[in-house]
Structures are given as C-alpha cells and as structure tokens.
PDB file of all heavy atoms in Angstrom:
ATOM      1  N   PHE A   1       0.829  -1.206   0.000  1.00  0.00           N
ATOM      2  CA  PHE A   1       0.000   0.000   0.000  1.00  0.00           C
ATOM      3  C   PHE A   1       0.866   1.260   0.000  1.00  0.00           C
ATOM      4  O   PHE A   1       0.530   2.248  -0.642  1.00  0.00           O
ATOM      5  CB  PHE A   1      -0.949   0.002   1.202  1.00  0.00           C
ATOM      6  CG  PHE A   1      -1.945  -1.116   1.175  1.00  0.00           C
ATOM      7  CD1 PHE A   1      -1.885  -2.148   2.100  1.00  0.00           C
ATOM      8  CD2 PHE A   1      -2.933  -1.161   0.206  1.00  0.00           C
ATOM      9  CE1 PHE A   1      -2.801  -3.191   2.069  1.00  0.00           C
ATOM     10  CE2 PHE A   1      -3.853  -2.194   0.157  1.00  0.00           C
ATOM     11  CZ  PHE A   1      -3.784  -3.222   1.097  1.00  0.00           C
ATOM     12  N   ALA A   2       1.969   1.232   0.753  1.00  0.00           N
ATOM     13  CA  ALA A   2       2.920   2.342   0.779  1.00  0.00           C
ATOM     14  C   ALA A   2       4.302   1.831   0.402  1.00  0.00           C
ATOM     15  O   ALA A   2       4.707   0.756   0.835  1.00  0.00           O
ATOM     16  CB  ALA A   2       2.956   2.977   2.170  1.00  0.00           C
ATOM     17  N   GLU A   3       5.011   2.615  -0.409  1.00  0.00           N
ATOM     18  CA  GLU A   3       6.353   2.207  -0.834  1.00  0.00           C
ATOM     19  C   GLU A   3       7.351   2.350   0.308  1.00  0.00           C
ATOM     20  O   GLU A   3       8.243   1.509   0.486  1.00  0.00           O
ATOM     21  CB  GLU A   3       6.796   3.067  -2.016  1.00  0.00           C
ATOM     22  CG  GLU A   3       5.937   2.895  -3.256  1.00  0.00           C
ATOM     23  CD  GLU A   3       6.194   4.000  -4.259  1.00  0.00           C
ATOM     24  OE1 GLU A   3       7.360   4.429  -4.373  1.00  0.00           O
ATOM     25  OE2 GLU A   3       5.235   4.444  -4.921  1.00  0.00           O
ATOM     26  N   GLU A   4       7.217   3.428   1.052  1.00  0.00           N
ATOM     27  CA  GLU A   4       8.091   3.683   2.186  1.00  0.00           C
ATOM     28  C   GLU A   4       7.262   4.219   3.346  1.00  0.00           C
ATOM     29  O   GLU A   4       6.209   4.832   3.139  1.00  0.00           O
ATOM     30  CB  GLU A   4       9.185   4.685   1.813  1.00  0.00           C
ATOM     31  CG  GLU A   4      10.157   4.180   0.767  1.00  0.00           C
ATOM     32  CD  GLU A   4      11.177   5.243   0.403  1.00  0.00           C
ATOM     33  OE1 GLU A   4      11.982   5.612   1.279  1.00  0.00           O
ATOM     34  OE2 GLU A   4      11.141   5.706  -0.750  1.00  0.00           O
ATOM     35  N   VAL A   5       7.754   4.000   4.562  1.00  0.00           N
ATOM     36  CA  VAL A   5       7.017   4.429   5.751  1.00  0.00           C
ATOM     37  C   VAL A   5       7.979   5.092   6.738  1.00  0.00           C
ATOM     38  O   VAL A   5       9.192   4.880   6.693  1.00  0.00           O
ATOM     39  CB  VAL A   5       6.292   3.245   6.430  1.00  0.00           C
ATOM     40  CG1 VAL A   5       5.241   2.646   5.518  1.00  0.00           C
ATOM     41  CG2 VAL A   5       7.302   2.167   6.865  1.00  0.00           C
ATOM     42  N   TYR A   6       7.400   5.891   7.615  1.00  0.00           N
ATOM     43  CA  TYR A   6       8.189   6.580   8.634  1.00  0.00           C
ATOM     44  C   TYR A   6       7.407   6.569   9.941  1.00  0.00           C
ATOM     45  O   TYR A   6       6.234   6.977   9.971  1.00  0.00           O
ATOM     46  CB  TYR A   6       8.457   8.021   8.198  1.00  0.00           C
ATOM     47  CG  TYR A   6       9.256   8.830   9.203  1.00  0.00           C
ATOM     48  CD1 TYR A   6      10.627   8.650   9.350  1.00  0.00           C
ATOM     49  CD2 TYR A   6       8.629   9.780  10.002  1.00  0.00           C
ATOM     50  CE1 TYR A   6      11.362   9.402  10.265  1.00  0.00           C
ATOM     51  CE2 TYR A   6       9.349  10.540  10.914  1.00  0.00           C
ATOM     52  CZ  TYR A   6      10.714  10.349  11.043  1.00  0.00           C
ATOM     53  OH  TYR A   6      11.438  11.086  11.946  1.00  0.00           O
ATOM     54  N   CYS A   7       8.055   6.098  11.008  1.00  0.00           N
ATOM     55  CA  CYS A   7       7.396   6.031  12.313  1.00  0.00           C
ATOM     56  C   CYS A   7       7.781   7.261  13.135  1.00  0.00           C
ATOM     57  O   CYS A   7       8.961   7.490  13.435  1.00  0.00           O
ATOM     58  CB  CYS A   7       7.811   4.752  13.044  1.00  0.00           C
ATOM     59  SG  CYS A   7       6.813   4.427  14.526  1.00  0.00           S
ATOM     60  N   LEU A   8       6.767   8.041  13.476  1.00  0.00           N
ATOM     61  CA  LEU A   8       6.997   9.244  14.280  1.00  0.00           C
ATOM     62  C   LEU A   8       7.311   8.873  15.721  1.00  0.00           C
ATOM     63  O   LEU A   8       6.627   8.022  16.303  1.00  0.00           O
ATOM     64  CB  LEU A   8       5.743  10.128  14.283  1.00  0.00           C
ATOM     65  CG  LEU A   8       5.511  11.074  13.115  1.00  0.00           C
ATOM     66  CD1 LEU A   8       4.168  11.768  13.309  1.00  0.00           C
ATOM     67  CD2 LEU A   8       6.630  12.093  13.005  1.00  0.00           C
ATOM     68  N   PRO A   9       8.300   9.508  16.315  1.00  0.00           N
ATOM     69  CA  PRO A   9       8.534   9.298  17.746  1.00  0.00           C
ATOM     70  C   PRO A   9       7.323   9.796  18.539  1.00  0.00           C
ATOM     71  O   PRO A   9       6.739  10.833  18.201  1.00  0.00           O
ATOM     72  CB  PRO A   9       9.766  10.163  18.029  1.00  0.00           C
ATOM     73  CG  PRO A   9      10.381  10.415  16.694  1.00  0.00           C
ATOM     74  CD  PRO A   9       9.274  10.413  15.705  1.00  0.00           C
ATOM     75  N   VAL A  10       6.924   9.046  19.552  1.00  0.00           N
ATOM     76  CA  VAL A  10       5.764   9.425  20.359  1.00  0.00           C
ATOM     77  C   VAL A  10       6.182  10.462  21.399  1.00  0.00           C
ATOM     78  O   VAL A  10       7.125  10.244  22.162  1.00  0.00           O
ATOM     79  CB  VAL A  10       5.144   8.193  21.058  1.00  0.00           C
ATOM     80  CG1 VAL A  10       3.941   8.607  21.893  1.00  0.00           C
ATOM     81  CG2 VAL A  10       4.748   7.150  20.020  1.00  0.00           C
ATOM     82  N   SER A  11       5.466  11.584  21.407  1.00  0.00           N
ATOM     83  CA  SER A  11       5.785  12.649  22.364  1.00  0.00           C
ATOM     84  C   SER A  11       5.212  12.318  23.731  1.00  0.00           C
ATOM     85  O   SER A  11       4.220  11.582  23.855  1.00  0.00           O
ATOM     86  CB  SER A  11       5.212  13.985  21.876  1.00  0.00           C
ATOM     87  OG  SER A  11       5.751  14.334  20.621  1.00  0.00           O
ATOM     88  N   ASP A  12       5.821  12.882  24.752  1.00  0.00           N
ATOM     89  CA  ASP A  12       5.326  12.744  26.121  1.00  0.00           C
ATOM     90  C   ASP A  12       4.069  13.597  26.272  1.00  0.00           C
ATOM     91  O   ASP A  12       4.126  14.830  26.173  1.00  0.00           O
ATOM     92  CB  ASP A  12       6.406  13.192  27.108  1.00  0.00           C
ATOM     93  CG  ASP A  12       5.981  12.995  28.562  1.00  0.00           C
ATOM     94  OD1 ASP A  12       4.835  12.584  28.794  1.00  0.00           O
ATOM     95  OD2 ASP A  12       6.808  13.271  29.455  1.00  0.00           O
ATOM     96  N   LYS A  13       2.919  12.944  26.501  1.00  0.00           N
ATOM     97  CA  LYS A  13       1.654  13.673  26.598  1.00  0.00           C
ATOM     98  C   LYS A  13       1.619  14.605  27.804  1.00  0.00           C
ATOM     99  O   LYS A  13       0.848  15.565  27.844  1.00  0.00           O
ATOM    100  CB  LYS A  13       0.483  12.684  26.663  1.00  0.00           C
ATOM    101  CG  LYS A  13       0.263  11.909  25.377  1.00  0.00           C
ATOM    102  CD  LYS A  13      -0.946  11.012  25.477  1.00  0.00           C
ATOM    103  CE  LYS A  13      -1.177  10.254  24.174  1.00  0.00           C
ATOM    104  NZ  LYS A  13      -2.360   9.354  24.242  1.00  0.00           N
ATOM    105  N   ASN A  14       2.418  14.310  28.805  1.00  0.00           N
ATOM    106  CA  ASN A  14       2.427  15.148  30.013  1.00  0.00           C
ATOM    107  C   ASN A  14       3.314  16.385  29.857  1.00  0.00           C
ATOM    108  O   ASN A  14       3.271  17.290  30.692  1.00  0.00           O
ATOM    109  CB  ASN A  14       2.910  14.321  31.215  1.00  0.00           C
ATOM    110  CG  ASN A  14       1.958  13.182  31.543  1.00  0.00           C
ATOM    111  OD1 ASN A  14       0.749  13.360  31.493  1.00  0.00           O
ATOM    112  ND2 ASN A  14       2.505  12.013  31.854  1.00  0.00           N
ATOM    113  N   GLU A  15       4.126  16.388  28.795  1.00  0.00           N
ATOM    114  CA  GLU A  15       5.003  17.530  28.567  1.00  0.00           C
ATOM    115  C   GLU A  15       4.214  18.676  27.939  1.00  0.00           C
ATOM    116  O   GLU A  15       3.667  18.548  26.846  1.00  0.00           O
ATOM    117  CB  GLU A  15       6.154  17.130  27.635  1.00  0.00           C
ATOM    118  CG  GLU A  15       7.144  18.250  27.378  1.00  0.00           C
ATOM    119  CD  GLU A  15       8.196  17.871  26.355  1.00  0.00           C
ATOM    120  OE1 GLU A  15       8.211  16.689  25.919  1.00  0.00           O
ATOM    121  OE2 GLU A  15       8.998  18.741  25.982  1.00  0.00           O
ATOM    122  N   LYS A  16       4.128  19.778  28.645  1.00  0.00           N
ATOM    123  CA  LYS A  16       3.368  20.922  28.155  1.00  0.00           C
ATOM    124  C   LYS A  16       4.268  21.831  27.329  1.00  0.00           C
ATOM    125  O   LYS A  16       5.354  22.210  27.756  1.00  0.00           O
ATOM    126  CB  LYS A  16       2.755  21.688  29.325  1.00  0.00           C
ATOM    127  CG  LYS A  16       1.672  20.897  30.058  1.00  0.00           C
ATOM    128  CD  LYS A  16       0.951  21.759  31.088  1.00  0.00           C
ATOM    129  CE  LYS A  16      -0.172  20.965  31.748  1.00  0.00           C
ATOM    130  NZ  LYS A  16      -0.903  21.771  32.759  1.00  0.00           N
ATOM    131  N   LYS A  17       3.774  22.182  26.139  1.00  0.00           N
ATOM    132  CA  LYS A  17       4.542  23.033  25.241  1.00  0.00           C
ATOM    133  C   LYS A  17       3.751  24.293  24.919  1.00  0.00           C
ATOM    134  O   LYS A  17       2.509  24.264  24.852  1.00  0.00           O
ATOM    135  CB  LYS A  17       4.862  22.296  23.936  1.00  0.00           C
ATOM    136  CG  LYS A  17       5.740  21.078  24.098  1.00  0.00           C
ATOM    137  CD  LYS A  17       5.925  20.386  22.754  1.00  0.00           C
ATOM    138  CE  LYS A  17       6.770  19.130  22.900  1.00  0.00           C
ATOM    139  NZ  LYS A  17       6.858  18.374  21.635  1.00  0.00           N
ATOM    140  N   THR A  18       4.445  25.373  24.716  1.00  0.00           N
ATOM    141  CA  THR A  18       3.794  26.591  24.256  1.00  0.00           C
ATOM    142  C   THR A  18       3.403  26.403  22.798  1.00  0.00           C
ATOM    143  O   THR A  18       3.870  25.475  22.124  1.00  0.00           O
ATOM    144  CB  THR A  18       4.734  27.797  24.381  1.00  0.00           C
ATOM    145  OG1 THR A  18       5.844  27.602  23.481  1.00  0.00           O
ATOM    146  CG2 THR A  18       5.242  27.948  25.812  1.00  0.00           C
ATOM    147  N   THR A  19       2.548  27.302  22.317  1.00  0.00           N
ATOM    148  CA  THR A  19       2.142  27.230  20.918  1.00  0.00           C
ATOM    149  C   THR A  19       3.350  27.312  19.992  1.00  0.00           C
ATOM    150  O   THR A  19       3.452  26.553  19.013  1.00  0.00           O
ATOM    151  CB  THR A  19       1.167  28.376  20.592  1.00  0.00           C
ATOM    152  OG1 THR A  19      -0.004  28.223  21.398  1.00  0.00           O
ATOM    153  CG2 THR A  19       0.780  28.368  19.128  1.00  0.00           C
ATOM    154  N   GLU A  20       4.273  28.204  20.296  1.00  0.00           N
ATOM    155  CA  GLU A  20       5.471  28.354  19.479  1.00  0.00           C
ATOM    156  C   GLU A  20       6.287  27.066  19.463  1.00  0.00           C
ATOM    157  O   GLU A  20       6.810  26.653  18.429  1.00  0.00           O
ATOM    158  CB  GLU A  20       6.321  29.519  19.999  1.00  0.00           C
ATOM    159  CG  GLU A  20       5.760  30.894  19.670  1.00  0.00           C
ATOM    160  CD  GLU A  20       5.678  31.142  18.166  1.00  0.00           C
ATOM    161  OE1 GLU A  20       6.607  30.737  17.442  1.00  0.00           O
ATOM    162  OE2 GLU A  20       4.664  31.713  17.721  1.00  0.00           O
ATOM    163  N   GLU A  21       6.385  26.427  20.636  1.00  0.00           N
ATOM    164  CA  GLU A  21       7.139  25.174  20.723  1.00  0.00           C
ATOM    165  C   GLU A  21       6.468  24.067  19.919  1.00  0.00           C
ATOM    166  O   GLU A  21       7.141  23.273  19.251  1.00  0.00           O
ATOM    167  CB  GLU A  21       7.285  24.756  22.189  1.00  0.00           C
ATOM    168  CG  GLU A  21       8.254  25.622  22.984  1.00  0.00           C
ATOM    169  CD  GLU A  21       8.231  25.319  24.469  1.00  0.00           C
ATOM    170  OE1 GLU A  21       7.193  24.794  24.965  1.00  0.00           O
ATOM    171  OE2 GLU A  21       9.243  25.596  25.139  1.00  0.00           O
ATOM    172  N   GLN A  22       5.129  24.008  19.974  1.00  0.00           N
ATOM    173  CA  GLN A  22       4.386  23.000  19.206  1.00  0.00           C
ATOM    174  C   GLN A  22       4.630  23.166  17.712  1.00  0.00           C
ATOM    175  O   GLN A  22       4.905  22.194  17.003  1.00  0.00           O
ATOM    176  CB  GLN A  22       2.884  23.120  19.492  1.00  0.00           C
ATOM    177  CG  GLN A  22       2.455  22.663  20.861  1.00  0.00           C
ATOM    178  CD  GLN A  22       0.962  22.869  21.059  1.00  0.00           C
ATOM    179  OE1 GLN A  22       0.192  22.909  20.104  1.00  0.00           O
ATOM    180  NE2 GLN A  22       0.554  23.034  22.300  1.00  0.00           N
ATOM    181  N   LEU A  23       4.525  24.406  17.233  1.00  0.00           N
ATOM    182  CA  LEU A  23       4.688  24.659  15.806  1.00  0.00           C
ATOM    183  C   LEU A  23       6.126  24.414  15.366  1.00  0.00           C
ATOM    184  O   LEU A  23       6.368  23.897  14.259  1.00  0.00           O
ATOM    185  CB  LEU A  23       4.252  26.085  15.473  1.00  0.00           C
ATOM    186  CG  LEU A  23       2.755  26.381  15.656  1.00  0.00           C
ATOM    187  CD1 LEU A  23       2.455  27.842  15.381  1.00  0.00           C
ATOM    188  CD2 LEU A  23       1.917  25.494  14.735  1.00  0.00           C
ATOM    189  N   ARG A  24       7.082  24.764  16.206  1.00  0.00           N
ATOM    190  CA  ARG A  24       8.483  24.516  15.869  1.00  0.00           C
ATOM    191  C   ARG A  24       8.773  23.020  15.824  1.00  0.00           C
ATOM    192  O   ARG A  24       9.458  22.522  14.924  1.00  0.00           O
ATOM    193  CB  ARG A  24       9.395  25.195  16.889  1.00  0.00           C
ATOM    194  CG  ARG A  24      10.897  25.054  16.535  1.00  0.00           C
ATOM    195  CD  ARG A  24      11.792  25.913  17.411  1.00  0.00           C
ATOM    196  NE  ARG A  24      11.752  25.502  18.808  1.00  0.00           N
ATOM    197  CZ  ARG A  24      11.168  26.207  19.767  1.00  0.00           C
ATOM    198  NH1 ARG A  24      10.561  27.367  19.479  1.00  0.00           N
ATOM    199  NH2 ARG A  24      11.174  25.786  21.023  1.00  0.00           N
ATOM    200  N   HIS A  25       8.204  22.288  16.791  1.00  0.00           N
ATOM    201  CA  HIS A  25       8.396  20.832  16.822  1.00  0.00           C
ATOM    202  C   HIS A  25       7.786  20.181  15.582  1.00  0.00           C
ATOM    203  O   HIS A  25       8.375  19.257  14.997  1.00  0.00           O
ATOM    204  CB  HIS A  25       7.757  20.258  18.087  1.00  0.00           C
ATOM    205  CG  HIS A  25       7.941  18.775  18.226  1.00  0.00           C
ATOM    206  ND1 HIS A  25       7.009  17.861  17.767  1.00  0.00           N
ATOM    207  CD2 HIS A  25       8.966  18.042  18.741  1.00  0.00           C
ATOM    208  CE1 HIS A  25       7.434  16.637  18.007  1.00  0.00           C
ATOM    209  NE2 HIS A  25       8.612  16.711  18.597  1.00  0.00           N
ATOM    210  N   ALA A  26       6.604  20.665  15.153  1.00  0.00           N
ATOM    211  CA  ALA A  26       5.961  20.105  13.955  1.00  0.00           C
ATOM    212  C   ALA A  26       6.818  20.333  12.720  1.00  0.00           C
ATOM    213  O   ALA A  26       6.962  19.439  11.871  1.00  0.00           O
ATOM    214  CB  ALA A  26       4.579  20.734  13.770  1.00  0.00           C
ATOM    215  N   LYS A  27       7.417  21.522  12.616  1.00  0.00           N
ATOM    216  CA  LYS A  27       8.279  21.823  11.455  1.00  0.00           C
ATOM    217  C   LYS A  27       9.517  20.945  11.468  1.00  0.00           C
ATOM    218  O   LYS A  27       9.920  20.402  10.426  1.00  0.00           O
ATOM    219  CB  LYS A  27       8.669  23.300  11.483  1.00  0.00           C
ATOM    220  CG  LYS A  27       9.491  23.720  10.282  1.00  0.00           C
ATOM    221  CD  LYS A  27       9.792  25.213  10.313  1.00  0.00           C
ATOM    222  CE  LYS A  27      10.594  25.622   9.071  1.00  0.00           C
ATOM    223  NZ  LYS A  27      10.894  27.089   9.088  1.00  0.00           N
ATOM    224  N   GLU A  28      10.108  20.756  12.651  1.00  0.00           N
ATOM    225  CA  GLU A  28      11.302  19.913  12.761  1.00  0.00           C
ATOM    226  C   GLU A  28      10.977  18.452  12.437  1.00  0.00           C
ATOM    227  O   GLU A  28      11.730  17.777  11.723  1.00  0.00           O
ATOM    228  CB  GLU A  28      11.888  20.028  14.163  1.00  0.00           C
ATOM    229  CG  GLU A  28      12.483  21.401  14.464  1.00  0.00           C
ATOM    230  CD  GLU A  28      12.847  21.582  15.925  1.00  0.00           C
ATOM    231  OE1 GLU A  28      12.502  20.670  16.736  1.00  0.00           O
ATOM    232  OE2 GLU A  28      13.453  22.608  16.278  1.00  0.00           O
ATOM    233  N   ALA A  29       9.848  17.973  12.959  1.00  0.00           N
ATOM    234  CA  ALA A  29       9.446  16.582  12.698  1.00  0.00           C
ATOM    235  C   ALA A  29       9.170  16.372  11.213  1.00  0.00           C
ATOM    236  O   ALA A  29       9.514  15.331  10.638  1.00  0.00           O
ATOM    237  CB  ALA A  29       8.213  16.226  13.527  1.00  0.00           C
ATOM    238  N   ALA A  30       8.556  17.372  10.578  1.00  0.00           N
ATOM    239  CA  ALA A  30       8.289  17.286   9.138  1.00  0.00           C
ATOM    240  C   ALA A  30       9.598  17.217   8.363  1.00  0.00           C
ATOM    241  O   ALA A  30       9.728  16.437   7.400  1.00  0.00           O
ATOM    242  CB  ALA A  30       7.467  18.485   8.687  1.00  0.00           C
ATOM    243  N   GLY A  31      10.561  18.012   8.787  1.00  0.00           N
ATOM    244  CA  GLY A  31      11.859  17.996   8.116  1.00  0.00           C
ATOM    245  C   GLY A  31      12.541  16.651   8.217  1.00  0.00           C
ATOM    246  O   GLY A  31      13.139  16.161   7.241  1.00  0.00           O
ATOM    247  N   MET A  32      12.452  16.027   9.397  1.00  0.00           N
ATOM    248  CA  MET A  32      13.061  14.706   9.574  1.00  0.00           C
ATOM    249  C   MET A  32      12.367  13.659   8.709  1.00  0.00           C
ATOM    250  O   MET A  32      13.024  12.781   8.135  1.00  0.00           O
ATOM    251  CB  MET A  32      13.008  14.310  11.049  1.00  0.00           C
ATOM    252  CG  MET A  32      13.974  15.094  11.928  1.00  0.00           C
ATOM    253  SD  MET A  32      14.078  14.446  13.618  1.00  0.00           S
ATOM    254  CE  MET A  32      12.493  14.952  14.268  1.00  0.00           C
ATOM    255  N   ALA A  33      11.043  13.757   8.612  1.00  0.00           N
ATOM    256  CA  ALA A  33      10.298  12.801   7.788  1.00  0.00           C
ATOM    257  C   ALA A  33      10.670  12.954   6.320  1.00  0.00           C
ATOM    258  O   ALA A  33      10.909  11.952   5.619  1.00  0.00           O
ATOM    259  CB  ALA A  33       8.795  12.999   7.987  1.00  0.00           C
ATOM    260  N   LEU A  34      10.741  14.193   5.828  1.00  0.00           N
ATOM    261  CA  LEU A  34      11.101  14.413   4.429  1.00  0.00           C
ATOM    262  C   LEU A  34      12.517  13.940   4.140  1.00  0.00           C
ATOM    263  O   LEU A  34      12.791  13.385   3.069  1.00  0.00           O
ATOM    264  CB  LEU A  34      10.949  15.897   4.082  1.00  0.00           C
ATOM    265  CG  LEU A  34       9.517  16.438   4.016  1.00  0.00           C
ATOM    266  CD1 LEU A  34       9.527  17.931   3.693  1.00  0.00           C
ATOM    267  CD2 LEU A  34       8.685  15.684   2.984  1.00  0.00           C
TER     268      LEU A  34
END
C-alpha cells in the first residue's frame, strides 16, 4: 500500500509546550520525515 514508511517518535503527553514550541516541533518533525 505504501512504498516507504516513517514512524513518528511518540511525544510525552504530560510535557506541556507553548504554541510556538508546538509549531516549531511540527516543522522539525516534518523535516526529519522528508
């Protein structure tokens, strides 16, 4: 079904992040996936 796959590291649900931190983390995670 998929040629290649990528497993995202699971974040700590108890770790509270600011909005800026969330958006920065999403950009970094996207970069690693690409």
